[in-house]
């Protein structure tokens, strides 16, 4: 099986890393506007540097890692190549805001399309990828895709009308958590902890808390209460977060990301 990545930026590169760790290894072809970036990634993964046209002509799965505003032009240039293909292929789009119907219109073809919303943690096997297939995607093609991406972390089907909301937290949320980690570390450094320890402690704490949330049946409010002793240090910190509007700010961040995704459709 041949798998091509058109665009090897942060997200395309993360998925290429996951594909390279697949239990069913595939030949990986990488293409990028900056050839040096594709070359560097290819050396890491044992992949081949290629070009958009070769990927469109030969690959079974074609990952489209370009910005939403660039997708129409890319697919228009690839359409003549894709329309001549005799063997099956699947287009895999990770572009925010572009529906299956819009992607089909841009491609000018009734070909199999997978719309996915991954996150950068896919590069280390701890990601979450939401996906929805077009009706043309066969069970065999979907199964092969799930195997190909199994090393990326969790893969979860989601109705297309919920994909934008899911992406606002599962995709964009990584940046929000990174800000939170940075702020926690800055606070610890202010209190005298060395920077490397502060970053490591904050990251491990968030990782452990997330694992507990996923693996237990506890509501997050219960998890919070379990750490907050009466008159203790943690509840004092929670009070400070509430005074700063922490929960409202987090909610507004997700809503803002969702609304921006909707705006990309217009």
C-alpha atoms as a PDB file:
ATOM      1  CA  UNK A   1       0.000   0.000   0.000  1.00  0.00           C
ATOM      2  CA  UNK A   2       1.212   3.485  -0.866  1.00  0.00           C
ATOM      3  CA  UNK A   3       0.301   6.436   1.326  1.00  0.00           C
ATOM      4  CA  UNK A   4       0.989  10.013   0.273  1.00  0.00           C
ATOM      5  CA  UNK A   5       1.110  13.182   2.348  1.00  0.00           C
ATOM      6  CA  UNK A   6       0.647  16.445   0.472  1.00  0.00           C
ATOM      7  CA  UNK A   7       1.731  18.941   3.093  1.00  0.00           C
ATOM      8  CA  UNK A   8       4.063  17.903   5.898  1.00  0.00           C
ATOM      9  CA  UNK A   9       3.467  20.694   8.382  1.00  0.00           C
ATOM     10  CA  UNK A  10       2.680  20.113  12.047  1.00  0.00           C
ATOM     11  CA  UNK A  11      -0.460  18.071  11.469  1.00  0.00           C
ATOM     12  CA  UNK A  12       0.540  16.283   8.282  1.00  0.00           C
ATOM     13  CA  UNK A  13       3.888  15.481   9.837  1.00  0.00           C
ATOM     14  CA  UNK A  14       2.258  14.099  12.986  1.00  0.00           C
ATOM     15  CA  UNK A  15       0.082  11.752  10.930  1.00  0.00           C
ATOM     16  CA  UNK A  16       3.056  10.684   8.833  1.00  0.00           C
ATOM     17  CA  UNK A  17       4.859   9.770  12.058  1.00  0.00           C
ATOM     18  CA  UNK A  18       1.869   7.659  13.073  1.00  0.00           C
ATOM     19  CA  UNK A  19       1.664   5.983   9.666  1.00  0.00           C
ATOM     20  CA  UNK A  20       5.339   5.072   9.903  1.00  0.00           C
ATOM     21  CA  UNK A  21       4.535   3.168  13.120  1.00  0.00           C
ATOM     22  CA  UNK A  22       1.559   1.307  11.641  1.00  0.00           C
ATOM     23  CA  UNK A  23       1.313  -2.452  12.293  1.00  0.00           C
ATOM     24  CA  UNK A  24       0.698  -2.767   8.545  1.00  0.00           C
ATOM     25  CA  UNK A  25       3.661  -0.787   7.167  1.00  0.00           C
ATOM     26  CA  UNK A  26       3.089   1.187   3.989  1.00  0.00           C
ATOM     27  CA  UNK A  27       5.332   2.983   1.530  1.00  0.00           C
ATOM     28  CA  UNK A  28       5.192   6.656   2.494  1.00  0.00           C
ATOM     29  CA  UNK A  29       5.535   9.475  -0.038  1.00  0.00           C
ATOM     30  CA  UNK A  30       5.946  13.037   1.225  1.00  0.00           C
ATOM     31  CA  UNK A  31       5.437  16.323  -0.586  1.00  0.00           C
ATOM     32  CA  UNK A  32       5.687  19.866   0.723  1.00  0.00           C
ATOM     33  CA  UNK A  33       5.898  23.408  -0.647  1.00  0.00           C
ATOM     34  CA  UNK A  34       9.238  23.640   1.150  1.00  0.00           C
ATOM     35  CA  UNK A  35      11.111  20.564  -0.107  1.00  0.00           C
ATOM     36  CA  UNK A  36      13.645  20.764   2.726  1.00  0.00           C
ATOM     37  CA  UNK A  37      10.878  20.145   5.260  1.00  0.00           C
ATOM     38  CA  UNK A  38       9.712  17.040   3.425  1.00  0.00           C
ATOM     39  CA  UNK A  39      13.311  15.857   3.097  1.00  0.00           C
ATOM     40  CA  UNK A  40      13.979  16.219   6.826  1.00  0.00           C
ATOM     41  CA  UNK A  41      10.838  14.294   7.722  1.00  0.00           C
ATOM     42  CA  UNK A  42      11.539  11.606   5.126  1.00  0.00           C
ATOM     43  CA  UNK A  43      14.952  10.989   6.677  1.00  0.00           C
ATOM     44  CA  UNK A  44      13.350  10.537  10.095  1.00  0.00           C
ATOM     45  CA  UNK A  45      10.691   8.133   8.859  1.00  0.00           C
ATOM     46  CA  UNK A  46      12.467   6.263   6.091  1.00  0.00           C
ATOM     47  CA  UNK A  47       9.976   7.747   3.624  1.00  0.00           C
ATOM     48  CA  UNK A  48      10.391   9.022   0.064  1.00  0.00           C
ATOM     49  CA  UNK A  49      10.275  12.655  -0.996  1.00  0.00           C
ATOM     50  CA  UNK A  50       7.847  13.022  -3.882  1.00  0.00           C
ATOM     51  CA  UNK A  51       5.582  15.600  -5.522  1.00  0.00           C
ATOM     52  CA  UNK A  52       1.849  16.261  -5.567  1.00  0.00           C
ATOM     53  CA  UNK A  53       1.314  14.789  -9.018  1.00  0.00           C
ATOM     54  CA  UNK A  54       3.086  11.503  -8.277  1.00  0.00           C
ATOM     55  CA  UNK A  55       1.202  11.107  -5.015  1.00  0.00           C
ATOM     56  CA  UNK A  56      -2.122  11.756  -6.769  1.00  0.00           C
ATOM     57  CA  UNK A  57      -1.254   9.261  -9.480  1.00  0.00           C
ATOM     58  CA  UNK A  58       0.067   6.379  -7.388  1.00  0.00           C
ATOM     59  CA  UNK A  59      -1.066   6.458  -3.761  1.00  0.00           C
ATOM     60  CA  UNK A  60      -3.943   4.494  -2.249  1.00  0.00           C
ATOM     61  CA  UNK A  61      -4.495   7.081   0.497  1.00  0.00           C
ATOM     62  CA  UNK A  62      -3.820  10.740  -0.260  1.00  0.00           C
ATOM     63  CA  UNK A  63      -3.602  12.916   2.854  1.00  0.00           C
ATOM     64  CA  UNK A  64      -4.350  16.557   2.056  1.00  0.00           C
ATOM     65  CA  UNK A  65      -2.472  18.562   4.674  1.00  0.00           C
ATOM     66  CA  UNK A  66      -3.050  22.041   3.285  1.00  0.00           C
ATOM     67  CA  UNK A  67      -4.907  25.035   4.673  1.00  0.00           C
ATOM     68  CA  UNK A  68      -8.645  25.226   3.906  1.00  0.00           C
ATOM     69  CA  UNK A  69      -8.200  28.279   1.679  1.00  0.00           C
ATOM     70  CA  UNK A  70      -5.653  26.378  -0.439  1.00  0.00           C
ATOM     71  CA  UNK A  71      -7.702  23.226  -0.919  1.00  0.00           C
ATOM     72  CA  UNK A  72      -9.757  24.278  -3.946  1.00  0.00           C
ATOM     73  CA  UNK A  73      -6.688  25.208  -5.975  1.00  0.00           C
ATOM     74  CA  UNK A  74      -4.862  22.013  -4.998  1.00  0.00           C
ATOM     75  CA  UNK A  75      -7.751  19.718  -5.924  1.00  0.00           C
ATOM     76  CA  UNK A  76      -8.369  21.583  -9.174  1.00  0.00           C
ATOM     77  CA  UNK A  77      -4.772  20.890 -10.204  1.00  0.00           C
ATOM     78  CA  UNK A  78      -4.999  17.226  -9.183  1.00  0.00           C
ATOM     79  CA  UNK A  79      -8.441  16.567 -10.693  1.00  0.00           C
ATOM     80  CA  UNK A  80      -7.222  15.586 -14.198  1.00  0.00           C
ATOM     81  CA  UNK A  81      -4.810  13.058 -12.680  1.00  0.00           C
ATOM     82  CA  UNK A  82      -7.320  11.614 -10.241  1.00  0.00           C
ATOM     83  CA  UNK A  83     -10.048  11.339 -12.880  1.00  0.00           C
ATOM     84  CA  UNK A  84      -7.832   9.123 -15.050  1.00  0.00           C
ATOM     85  CA  UNK A  85      -7.043   6.655 -12.304  1.00  0.00           C
ATOM     86  CA  UNK A  86      -8.372   3.134 -12.774  1.00  0.00           C
ATOM     87  CA  UNK A  87      -7.535   1.740  -9.338  1.00  0.00           C
ATOM     88  CA  UNK A  88      -9.249   2.855  -6.136  1.00  0.00           C
ATOM     89  CA  UNK A  89      -7.946   5.636  -3.913  1.00  0.00           C
ATOM     90  CA  UNK A  90      -9.139   7.630  -0.905  1.00  0.00           C
ATOM     91  CA  UNK A  91      -8.722  11.347  -0.316  1.00  0.00           C
ATOM     92  CA  UNK A  92      -8.121  12.157   3.365  1.00  0.00           C
ATOM     93  CA  UNK A  93      -8.793  15.766   4.337  1.00  0.00           C
ATOM     94  CA  UNK A  94      -7.862  17.336   7.668  1.00  0.00           C
ATOM     95  CA  UNK A  95      -8.931  20.864   6.642  1.00  0.00           C
ATOM     96  CA  UNK A  96     -11.118  22.629   9.184  1.00  0.00           C
ATOM     97  CA  UNK A  97     -14.555  23.670   8.013  1.00  0.00           C
ATOM     98  CA  UNK A  98     -14.580  21.797   4.691  1.00  0.00           C
ATOM     99  CA  UNK A  99     -17.472  19.349   4.555  1.00  0.00           C
ATOM    100  CA  UNK A 100     -17.524  16.145   2.545  1.00  0.00           C
ATOM    101  CA  UNK A 101     -19.901  17.781   0.094  1.00  0.00           C
ATOM    102  CA  UNK A 102     -17.628  20.799  -0.345  1.00  0.00           C
ATOM    103  CA  UNK A 103     -14.582  18.571  -0.797  1.00  0.00           C
ATOM    104  CA  UNK A 104     -16.455  16.548  -3.423  1.00  0.00           C
ATOM    105  CA  UNK A 105     -17.307  19.749  -5.290  1.00  0.00           C
ATOM    106  CA  UNK A 106     -13.706  20.933  -5.142  1.00  0.00           C
ATOM    107  CA  UNK A 107     -12.398  17.590  -6.403  1.00  0.00           C
ATOM    108  CA  UNK A 108     -14.998  17.417  -9.150  1.00  0.00           C
ATOM    109  CA  UNK A 109     -15.251  13.676  -8.521  1.00  0.00           C
ATOM    110  CA  UNK A 110     -17.489  11.228  -6.710  1.00  0.00           C
ATOM    111  CA  UNK A 111     -14.510   9.519  -5.120  1.00  0.00           C
ATOM    112  CA  UNK A 112     -14.071   8.096  -1.610  1.00  0.00           C
ATOM    113  CA  UNK A 113     -13.258  10.843   0.888  1.00  0.00           C
ATOM    114  CA  UNK A 114     -12.432  10.645   4.571  1.00  0.00           C
ATOM    115  CA  UNK A 115     -12.831  13.843   6.552  1.00  0.00           C
ATOM    116  CA  UNK A 116     -10.688  13.672   9.672  1.00  0.00           C
ATOM    117  CA  UNK A 117      -9.983  16.017  12.559  1.00  0.00           C
ATOM    118  CA  UNK A 118      -6.783  14.848  14.298  1.00  0.00           C
ATOM    119  CA  UNK A 119      -4.484  16.534  16.791  1.00  0.00           C
ATOM    120  CA  UNK A 120      -0.722  16.829  17.030  1.00  0.00           C
ATOM    121  CA  UNK A 121      -0.455  14.263  19.840  1.00  0.00           C
ATOM    122  CA  UNK A 122      -0.924  11.680  17.080  1.00  0.00           C
ATOM    123  CA  UNK A 123       2.842  11.978  16.580  1.00  0.00           C
ATOM    124  CA  UNK A 124       3.461  10.280  19.951  1.00  0.00           C
ATOM    125  CA  UNK A 125       0.601   7.776  19.833  1.00  0.00           C
ATOM    126  CA  UNK A 126      -1.611   9.716  22.235  1.00  0.00           C
ATOM    127  CA  UNK A 127      -3.799  11.600  19.779  1.00  0.00           C
ATOM    128  CA  UNK A 128      -7.496  11.668  19.065  1.00  0.00           C
ATOM    129  CA  UNK A 129      -8.705  11.575  15.475  1.00  0.00           C
ATOM    130  CA  UNK A 130     -12.364  12.162  14.713  1.00  0.00           C
ATOM    131  CA  UNK A 131     -13.436  10.846  11.336  1.00  0.00           C
ATOM    132  CA  UNK A 132     -16.404  10.612   8.991  1.00  0.00           C
ATOM    133  CA  UNK A 133     -16.346   8.718   5.669  1.00  0.00           C
ATOM    134  CA  UNK A 134     -18.212   9.638   2.518  1.00  0.00           C
ATOM    135  CA  UNK A 135     -20.670   7.015   1.201  1.00  0.00           C
ATOM    136  CA  UNK A 136     -18.108   5.968  -1.426  1.00  0.00           C
ATOM    137  CA  UNK A 137     -15.629   4.706   1.187  1.00  0.00           C
ATOM    138  CA  UNK A 138     -15.839   0.913   1.369  1.00  0.00           C
ATOM    139  CA  UNK A 139     -15.591  -1.104   4.570  1.00  0.00           C
ATOM    140  CA  UNK A 140     -12.248  -2.445   3.379  1.00  0.00           C
ATOM    141  CA  UNK A 141     -10.898   1.063   2.746  1.00  0.00           C
ATOM    142  CA  UNK A 142     -12.069   2.293   6.145  1.00  0.00           C
ATOM    143  CA  UNK A 143     -10.623  -0.743   7.903  1.00  0.00           C
ATOM    144  CA  UNK A 144      -7.267  -0.258   6.178  1.00  0.00           C
ATOM    145  CA  UNK A 145      -7.261   3.428   7.163  1.00  0.00           C
ATOM    146  CA  UNK A 146      -7.969   2.609  10.808  1.00  0.00           C
ATOM    147  CA  UNK A 147      -5.121   0.090  10.809  1.00  0.00           C
ATOM    148  CA  UNK A 148      -2.815   2.593   9.140  1.00  0.00           C
ATOM    149  CA  UNK A 149      -3.581   5.212  11.786  1.00  0.00           C
ATOM    150  CA  UNK A 150      -3.838   2.858  14.774  1.00  0.00           C
ATOM    151  CA  UNK A 151      -0.454   3.969  16.129  1.00  0.00           C
ATOM    152  CA  UNK A 152      -1.726   7.558  16.362  1.00  0.00           C
ATOM    153  CA  UNK A 153      -3.941   6.945  19.400  1.00  0.00           C
ATOM    154  CA  UNK A 154      -7.728   6.956  19.573  1.00  0.00           C
ATOM    155  CA  UNK A 155      -9.819   7.042  16.404  1.00  0.00           C
ATOM    156  CA  UNK A 156     -13.481   7.847  16.847  1.00  0.00           C
ATOM    157  CA  UNK A 157     -16.298   8.077  14.295  1.00  0.00           C
ATOM    158  CA  UNK A 158     -18.491  11.132  14.638  1.00  0.00           C
ATOM    159  CA  UNK A 159     -21.488  12.423  12.732  1.00  0.00           C
ATOM    160  CA  UNK A 160     -20.389  15.162  10.374  1.00  0.00           C
ATOM    161  CA  UNK A 161     -22.656  17.793  11.899  1.00  0.00           C
ATOM    162  CA  UNK A 162     -20.721  17.353  15.180  1.00  0.00           C
ATOM    163  CA  UNK A 163     -17.214  17.311  13.690  1.00  0.00           C
ATOM    164  CA  UNK A 164     -16.680  21.077  14.040  1.00  0.00           C
ATOM    165  CA  UNK A 165     -17.672  21.081  17.704  1.00  0.00           C
ATOM    166  CA  UNK A 166     -15.534  18.016  18.381  1.00  0.00           C
ATOM    167  CA  UNK A 167     -12.542  19.602  16.691  1.00  0.00           C
ATOM    168  CA  UNK A 168     -12.876  22.797  18.731  1.00  0.00           C
ATOM    169  CA  UNK A 169     -12.016  20.839  21.870  1.00  0.00           C
ATOM    170  CA  UNK A 170     -10.098  17.771  20.627  1.00  0.00           C
ATOM    171  CA  UNK A 171      -8.023  19.603  18.028  1.00  0.00           C
ATOM    172  CA  UNK A 172      -7.719  23.215  19.155  1.00  0.00           C
ATOM    173  CA  UNK A 173      -7.683  22.196  22.812  1.00  0.00           C
ATOM    174  CA  UNK A 174      -4.068  21.103  22.561  1.00  0.00           C
ATOM    175  CA  UNK A 175      -3.024  24.744  22.262  1.00  0.00           C
ATOM    176  CA  UNK A 176      -5.217  25.696  25.210  1.00  0.00           C
ATOM    177  CA  UNK A 177      -3.684  22.979  27.394  1.00  0.00           C
ATOM    178  CA  UNK A 178      -0.201  24.046  26.299  1.00  0.00           C
ATOM    179  CA  UNK A 179      -0.956  27.550  27.566  1.00  0.00           C
ATOM    180  CA  UNK A 180      -2.185  26.053  30.836  1.00  0.00           C
ATOM    181  CA  UNK A 181       0.983  23.967  31.173  1.00  0.00           C
ATOM    182  CA  UNK A 182       3.134  27.005  30.509  1.00  0.00           C
ATOM    183  CA  UNK A 183       1.249  29.044  33.101  1.00  0.00           C
ATOM    184  CA  UNK A 184       1.529  26.286  35.722  1.00  0.00           C
ATOM    185  CA  UNK A 185       5.268  26.030  35.104  1.00  0.00           C
ATOM    186  CA  UNK A 186       5.664  29.811  35.290  1.00  0.00           C
ATOM    187  CA  UNK A 187       3.879  29.802  38.624  1.00  0.00           C
ATOM    188  CA  UNK A 188       6.123  27.067  39.972  1.00  0.00           C
ATOM    189  CA  UNK A 189       9.237  28.904  38.737  1.00  0.00           C
ATOM    190  CA  UNK A 190       7.999  32.019  40.531  1.00  0.00           C
ATOM    191  CA  UNK A 191       7.867  29.908  43.677  1.00  0.00           C
ATOM    192  CA  UNK A 192      11.484  28.830  43.177  1.00  0.00           C
ATOM    193  CA  UNK A 193      11.247  25.542  41.279  1.00  0.00           C
ATOM    194  CA  UNK A 194      13.792  25.087  38.458  1.00  0.00           C
ATOM    195  CA  UNK A 195      12.275  25.510  34.988  1.00  0.00           C
ATOM    196  CA  UNK A 196      12.963  21.960  33.736  1.00  0.00           C
ATOM    197  CA  UNK A 197      11.356  20.428  36.803  1.00  0.00           C
ATOM    198  CA  UNK A 198       8.406  22.814  36.649  1.00  0.00           C
ATOM    199  CA  UNK A 199       7.654  21.883  33.035  1.00  0.00           C
ATOM    200  CA  UNK A 200       8.030  18.158  33.684  1.00  0.00           C
ATOM    201  CA  UNK A 201       5.886  18.173  36.823  1.00  0.00           C
ATOM    202  CA  UNK A 202       3.114  20.150  35.143  1.00  0.00           C
ATOM    203  CA  UNK A 203       3.075  17.898  32.072  1.00  0.00           C
ATOM    204  CA  UNK A 204       3.087  14.680  34.104  1.00  0.00           C
ATOM    205  CA  UNK A 205       0.314  15.977  36.345  1.00  0.00           C
ATOM    206  CA  UNK A 206      -1.908  16.820  33.352  1.00  0.00           C
ATOM    207  CA  UNK A 207      -1.134  13.451  31.737  1.00  0.00           C
ATOM    208  CA  UNK A 208      -2.025  11.549  34.902  1.00  0.00           C
ATOM    209  CA  UNK A 209      -5.188  13.544  35.513  1.00  0.00           C
ATOM    210  CA  UNK A 210      -6.323  12.956  31.921  1.00  0.00           C
ATOM    211  CA  UNK A 211      -5.674   9.211  32.240  1.00  0.00           C
ATOM    212  CA  UNK A 212      -7.662   9.102  35.466  1.00  0.00           C
ATOM    213  CA  UNK A 213     -10.541  10.955  33.809  1.00  0.00           C
ATOM    214  CA  UNK A 214     -10.573   8.507  30.881  1.00  0.00           C
ATOM    215  CA  UNK A 215     -10.153   5.309  32.875  1.00  0.00           C
ATOM    216  CA  UNK A 216     -12.444   5.989  35.826  1.00  0.00           C
ATOM    217  CA  UNK A 217     -16.158   6.637  36.018  1.00  0.00           C
ATOM    218  CA  UNK A 218     -15.654   9.716  38.159  1.00  0.00           C
ATOM    219  CA  UNK A 219     -17.032  13.065  37.091  1.00  0.00           C
ATOM    220  CA  UNK A 220     -14.301  15.681  36.858  1.00  0.00           C
ATOM    221  CA  UNK A 221     -16.030  17.645  39.632  1.00  0.00           C
ATOM    222  CA  UNK A 222     -15.628  14.613  41.905  1.00  0.00           C
ATOM    223  CA  UNK A 223     -11.967  14.346  40.930  1.00  0.00           C
ATOM    224  CA  UNK A 224     -11.487  18.006  41.840  1.00  0.00           C
ATOM    225  CA  UNK A 225     -13.265  17.616  45.165  1.00  0.00           C
ATOM    226  CA  UNK A 226     -11.058  14.632  46.055  1.00  0.00           C
ATOM    227  CA  UNK A 227      -7.978  16.881  45.982  1.00  0.00           C
ATOM    228  CA  UNK A 228      -9.537  19.840  47.809  1.00  0.00           C
ATOM    229  CA  UNK A 229      -9.138  19.333  51.571  1.00  0.00           C
ATOM    230  CA  UNK A 230     -11.149  21.713  53.807  1.00  0.00           C
ATOM    231  CA  UNK A 231      -9.148  24.868  54.367  1.00  0.00           C
ATOM    232  CA  UNK A 232      -6.261  23.422  52.344  1.00  0.00           C
ATOM    233  CA  UNK A 233      -3.850  24.578  49.673  1.00  0.00           C
ATOM    234  CA  UNK A 234      -5.692  23.199  46.637  1.00  0.00           C
ATOM    235  CA  UNK A 235      -9.013  24.873  47.374  1.00  0.00           C
ATOM    236  CA  UNK A 236      -7.115  28.148  47.792  1.00  0.00           C
ATOM    237  CA  UNK A 237      -5.739  27.658  44.280  1.00  0.00           C
ATOM    238  CA  UNK A 238      -9.175  26.749  42.912  1.00  0.00           C
ATOM    239  CA  UNK A 239     -10.530  29.956  44.441  1.00  0.00           C
ATOM    240  CA  UNK A 240      -7.823  31.940  42.635  1.00  0.00           C
ATOM    241  CA  UNK A 241      -8.714  30.279  39.309  1.00  0.00           C
ATOM    242  CA  UNK A 242     -12.400  31.031  39.810  1.00  0.00           C
ATOM    243  CA  UNK A 243     -11.596  34.637  40.673  1.00  0.00           C
ATOM    244  CA  UNK A 244      -9.741  34.880  37.356  1.00  0.00           C
ATOM    245  CA  UNK A 245     -12.645  33.431  35.385  1.00  0.00           C
ATOM    246  CA  UNK A 246     -10.751  30.266  34.460  1.00  0.00           C
ATOM    247  CA  UNK A 247     -13.713  28.057  33.543  1.00  0.00           C
ATOM    248  CA  UNK A 248     -15.463  30.811  31.615  1.00  0.00           C
ATOM    249  CA  UNK A 249     -12.260  31.567  29.693  1.00  0.00           C
ATOM    250  CA  UNK A 250     -11.846  27.888  28.765  1.00  0.00           C
ATOM    251  CA  UNK A 251     -15.446  27.690  27.568  1.00  0.00           C
ATOM    252  CA  UNK A 252     -15.067  30.861  25.524  1.00  0.00           C
ATOM    253  CA  UNK A 253     -11.896  29.492  23.896  1.00  0.00           C
ATOM    254  CA  UNK A 254     -13.715  26.388  22.648  1.00  0.00           C
ATOM    255  CA  UNK A 255     -16.708  28.419  21.461  1.00  0.00           C
ATOM    256  CA  UNK A 256     -14.448  30.912  19.660  1.00  0.00           C
ATOM    257  CA  UNK A 257     -12.630  28.087  17.863  1.00  0.00           C
ATOM    258  CA  UNK A 258     -15.966  26.549  16.845  1.00  0.00           C
ATOM    259  CA  UNK A 259     -17.321  29.845  15.535  1.00  0.00           C
ATOM    260  CA  UNK A 260     -14.142  30.437  13.542  1.00  0.00           C
ATOM    261  CA  UNK A 261     -14.538  26.986  11.953  1.00  0.00           C
ATOM    262  CA  UNK A 262     -18.088  27.884  10.925  1.00  0.00           C
ATOM    263  CA  UNK A 263     -16.811  31.144   9.437  1.00  0.00           C
ATOM    264  CA  UNK A 264     -14.366  29.201   7.246  1.00  0.00           C
ATOM    265  CA  UNK A 265     -17.359  27.600   5.499  1.00  0.00           C
ATOM    266  CA  UNK A 266     -18.715  30.905   4.227  1.00  0.00           C
END
